[in-house]
Amino acid sequence: MVHLRTDLTHEALCVVYGVGSSSIDRAINEIRPLLTARGSRRHPSGHPVQAEH
């Protein structure tokens, strides 16, 4: 979630959380489908956009 909200690089997140890049990649890949299932998506500008129901 931090990556999606702040656009911090994977490298910066590794430093912040003290983990390797594979952990960051795994977390991002796990959360994206959950957010999509809840109707969350990102506008190309990086701002969240509400899903149309």
C-alpha atoms as a PDB file:
ATOM      1  CA  MET A   1       0.000   0.000   0.000  1.00  0.00           C
ATOM      2  CA  VAL A   2       2.836   2.400   0.770  1.00  0.00           C
ATOM      3  CA  HIS A   3       4.236   1.908  -2.730  1.00  0.00           C
ATOM      4  CA  LEU A   4       0.885   2.646  -4.341  1.00  0.00           C
ATOM      5  CA  ARG A   5       0.153   5.664  -2.144  1.00  0.00           C
ATOM      6  CA  THR A   6       3.589   7.289  -2.184  1.00  0.00           C
ATOM      7  CA  ASP A   7       5.222   5.979  -5.378  1.00  0.00           C
ATOM      8  CA  LEU A   8       8.384   5.192  -3.394  1.00  0.00           C
ATOM      9  CA  THR A   9      10.760   3.044  -5.400  1.00  0.00           C
ATOM     10  CA  HIS A  10      11.241  -0.603  -4.516  1.00  0.00           C
ATOM     11  CA  GLU A  11      14.773   0.245  -3.418  1.00  0.00           C
ATOM     12  CA  ALA A  12      13.525   2.895  -0.986  1.00  0.00           C
ATOM     13  CA  LEU A  13      10.938   0.492   0.434  1.00  0.00           C
ATOM     14  CA  CYS A  14      13.677  -2.105   0.967  1.00  0.00           C
ATOM     15  CA  VAL A  15      15.581   0.395   3.090  1.00  0.00           C
ATOM     16  CA  VAL A  16      12.498   1.588   5.003  1.00  0.00           C
ATOM     17  CA  TYR A  17      11.342  -1.925   5.879  1.00  0.00           C
ATOM     18  CA  GLY A  18      14.745  -3.596   6.033  1.00  0.00           C
ATOM     19  CA  VAL A  19      13.844  -6.341   3.571  1.00  0.00           C
ATOM     20  CA  GLY A  20      15.009  -7.504   0.152  1.00  0.00           C
ATOM     21  CA  SER A  21      13.489  -6.538  -3.175  1.00  0.00           C
ATOM     22  CA  SER A  22      11.857  -9.957  -3.559  1.00  0.00           C
ATOM     23  CA  SER A  23       9.840  -9.308  -0.379  1.00  0.00           C
ATOM     24  CA  ILE A  24       8.680  -5.937  -1.710  1.00  0.00           C
ATOM     25  CA  ASP A  25       7.776  -7.441  -5.100  1.00  0.00           C
ATOM     26  CA  ARG A  26       5.879 -10.275  -3.439  1.00  0.00           C
ATOM     27  CA  ALA A  27       3.905  -7.905  -1.197  1.00  0.00           C
ATOM     28  CA  ILE A  28       2.974  -5.641  -4.100  1.00  0.00           C
ATOM     29  CA  ASN A  29       1.957  -8.605  -6.264  1.00  0.00           C
ATOM     30  CA  GLU A  30      -0.187  -9.980  -3.427  1.00  0.00           C
ATOM     31  CA  ILE A  31      -2.011  -6.732  -2.663  1.00  0.00           C
ATOM     32  CA  ARG A  32      -2.827  -5.601  -6.214  1.00  0.00           C
ATOM     33  CA  PRO A  33      -5.370  -8.378  -6.970  1.00  0.00           C
ATOM     34  CA  LEU A  34      -7.044  -7.758  -3.597  1.00  0.00           C
ATOM     35  CA  LEU A  35      -7.387  -4.051  -4.336  1.00  0.00           C
ATOM     36  CA  THR A  36      -8.660  -4.770  -7.837  1.00  0.00           C
ATOM     37  CA  ALA A  37     -11.253  -7.172  -6.453  1.00  0.00           C
ATOM     38  CA  ARG A  38     -12.457  -4.372  -4.151  1.00  0.00           C
ATOM     39  CA  GLY A  39     -12.821  -2.020  -7.122  1.00  0.00           C
ATOM     40  CA  SER A  40      -9.707   0.071  -6.601  1.00  0.00           C
ATOM     41  CA  ARG A  41      -7.703   1.153  -9.605  1.00  0.00           C
ATOM     42  CA  ARG A  42      -5.096   3.784 -10.373  1.00  0.00           C
ATOM     43  CA  HIS A  43      -5.369   6.620 -12.854  1.00  0.00           C
ATOM     44  CA  PRO A  44      -2.243   7.085 -15.015  1.00  0.00           C
ATOM     45  CA  SER A  45      -1.519  10.264 -13.058  1.00  0.00           C
ATOM     46  CA  GLY A  46      -1.098   8.100  -9.981  1.00  0.00           C
ATOM     47  CA  HIS A  47      -4.239   9.331  -8.275  1.00  0.00           C
ATOM     48  CA  PRO A  48      -6.736   6.694  -7.074  1.00  0.00           C
ATOM     49  CA  VAL A  49      -9.955   6.530  -9.059  1.00  0.00           C
ATOM     50  CA  GLN A  50     -13.193   5.040  -7.758  1.00  0.00           C
ATOM     51  CA  ALA A  51     -14.430   2.040  -9.702  1.00  0.00           C
ATOM     52  CA  GLU A  52     -17.621   2.521 -11.653  1.00  0.00           C
ATOM     53  CA  HIS A  53     -20.415   0.241 -10.488  1.00  0.00           C
END
